[in-house]
Protein backbone atom coordinates (compact mmCIF):
# COMPACT_ATOMS: atom_id res chain seq x y z
CA MET A 1 57.45 -88.33 131.88
CA PRO A 2 57.97 -92.03 132.48
CA ASN A 3 61.69 -92.02 131.60
CA LEU A 4 62.65 -89.18 133.93
CA LEU A 5 64.89 -90.56 136.68
CA ILE A 6 66.32 -87.50 138.42
CA ILE A 7 65.03 -84.03 139.26
CA ASN A 8 67.66 -81.76 140.76
CA PHE A 9 67.55 -77.98 141.07
CA THR A 10 68.86 -75.07 143.10
CA SER A 11 66.87 -72.29 144.74
CA ASN A 12 67.88 -69.10 146.52
CA GLY A 13 65.53 -70.19 149.31
CA LEU A 14 63.76 -66.85 149.57
CA ASN A 15 60.28 -68.25 148.95
CA GLY A 16 60.24 -71.21 151.29
CA GLU A 17 56.48 -71.63 151.30
CA ARG A 18 56.32 -71.99 147.53
CA LEU A 19 59.27 -74.39 147.54
CA LYS A 20 57.55 -76.44 150.25
CA ILE A 21 54.56 -76.93 147.95
CA VAL A 22 56.88 -78.07 145.13
CA ALA A 23 58.75 -80.41 147.50
CA GLN A 24 55.50 -81.93 148.77
CA GLU A 25 54.26 -82.53 145.23
CA LEU A 26 57.54 -84.11 144.11
CA ASN A 27 57.79 -86.16 147.28
CA HIS A 28 54.33 -87.67 146.67
CA SER A 29 54.19 -87.98 142.90
CA PHE A 30 57.75 -88.56 141.62
CA SER A 31 59.36 -91.94 142.17
CA GLY A 32 62.86 -91.02 140.99
CA ILE A 33 65.68 -89.22 142.75
CA ILE A 34 64.88 -85.69 143.94
CA GLY A 35 67.56 -83.14 144.81
CA ILE A 36 66.89 -79.62 146.03
CA ASN A 37 69.84 -77.36 146.76
CA ILE A 38 69.65 -74.03 148.57
CA SER A 39 72.20 -71.34 147.70
CA ILE A 40 74.24 -70.24 150.69
CA ASP A 41 77.30 -68.37 149.47
CA GLY A 42 79.12 -67.69 152.70
CA PRO A 43 78.63 -66.79 156.32
CA GLU A 44 75.64 -64.49 156.86
CA GLU A 45 77.32 -61.13 156.17
CA ILE A 46 79.02 -62.29 152.96
CA HIS A 47 75.96 -64.21 151.73
CA GLN A 48 73.82 -61.10 152.12
CA LYS A 49 76.36 -58.92 150.29
CA LEU A 50 76.47 -61.37 147.40
CA ARG A 51 72.75 -62.20 147.31
CA GLY A 52 71.27 -58.92 148.52
CA GLY A 53 68.58 -58.33 151.10
CA THR A 54 68.78 -58.10 154.85
CA ALA A 55 67.21 -61.47 155.62
CA SER A 56 68.37 -63.58 152.66
CA TYR A 57 70.71 -65.73 154.76
CA GLN A 58 68.13 -66.57 157.43
CA LYS A 59 65.48 -67.30 154.80
CA ALA A 60 67.89 -69.65 153.02
CA ILE A 61 68.71 -71.43 156.30
CA GLU A 62 65.00 -71.78 157.17
CA THR A 63 64.25 -73.15 153.71
CA LEU A 64 67.14 -75.62 153.84
CA ARG A 65 65.98 -76.78 157.27
CA MET A 66 62.45 -77.29 155.90
CA ILE A 67 63.63 -79.20 152.80
CA ARG A 68 65.68 -81.51 155.02
CA THR A 69 62.45 -82.71 156.68
CA PHE A 70 61.53 -84.55 153.45
CA LYS A 71 63.31 -87.89 153.85
CA ARG A 72 63.14 -88.78 150.13
CA ILE A 73 64.65 -85.47 149.01
CA ARG A 74 68.40 -85.07 148.87
CA SER A 75 69.27 -81.56 150.01
CA HIS A 76 72.46 -79.56 150.04
CA ALA A 77 73.62 -76.05 150.71
CA SER A 78 75.05 -74.90 147.40
CA MET A 79 77.97 -72.45 147.69
CA THR A 80 79.19 -70.72 144.56
CA ILE A 81 82.78 -69.56 144.85
CA PHE A 82 83.63 -65.94 143.99
CA ASN A 83 86.64 -63.78 144.91
CA LYS A 84 84.75 -62.41 147.94
CA ASN A 85 84.05 -65.82 149.49
CA LYS A 86 86.75 -68.16 148.18
CA SER A 87 88.52 -68.34 151.55
CA LEU A 88 85.29 -68.85 153.51
CA ILE A 89 84.29 -72.44 152.75
CA LYS A 90 85.11 -73.69 156.25
CA ALA A 91 83.48 -70.66 157.92
CA THR A 92 80.37 -71.15 155.78
CA TYR A 93 80.12 -74.81 156.78
CA GLU A 94 80.63 -73.95 160.45
CA GLN A 95 77.93 -71.27 160.45
CA ILE A 96 75.43 -73.54 158.70
CA LYS A 97 76.27 -76.23 161.28
CA VAL A 98 75.41 -73.79 164.08
CA ASN A 99 71.98 -73.30 162.49
CA ILE A 100 71.40 -76.93 161.43
CA ALA A 101 72.93 -79.29 163.98
CA ASP A 102 72.93 -82.43 161.79
CA PHE A 103 74.51 -80.65 158.80
CA LYS A 104 77.59 -82.54 157.56
CA LYS A 105 80.56 -81.47 155.46
CA ASN A 106 79.32 -83.42 152.44
CA ASP A 107 76.01 -81.52 152.70
CA LEU A 108 77.86 -78.44 151.38
CA GLN A 109 78.08 -78.51 147.60
CA ILE A 110 80.80 -76.29 146.08
CA ASN A 111 80.32 -74.65 142.69
CA TYR A 112 82.75 -72.47 140.80
CA SER A 113 81.50 -69.29 139.20
CA PHE A 114 81.82 -68.87 135.46
CA GLU A 115 82.20 -65.95 133.09
CA SER A 116 79.00 -64.75 131.48
CA ASP A 117 78.66 -61.35 129.85
CA HIS A 118 74.90 -61.75 129.90
CA PHE A 119 74.77 -62.40 133.64
CA TYR A 120 77.52 -60.07 134.84
CA LYS A 121 76.26 -57.08 132.87
CA LYS A 122 73.04 -57.32 134.87
CA HIS A 123 74.62 -58.18 138.23
CA SER A 124 77.72 -56.18 139.09
CA ARG A 125 78.06 -57.17 142.77
CA PHE A 126 80.32 -60.13 141.94
């Protein structure tokens, strides 16, 4: 695709090894702008309640740390705001910073949730 200038996507970060392969391929073969965002929806306890799983937060942190090693790839933690985490933006940033020392405030991307009957019928935890 010669006219493609930007590739940007978000991952839950649970399969870091697979994402590493994708990042390596993009890093070597795509000359445009690459952005990979990892969903982190709150401090560890809240993230795991929203995302499920007992290790989802740590896997997301490990994956974000790995993606940040690719100098050509722009990476962010991507926090989607819900009622359960709307007051936790600062706490989320601070906990990520504890895990990733060079993490900056503008490395946290904020997204607002949206209404979707299709999505919310299947996922009632929000």
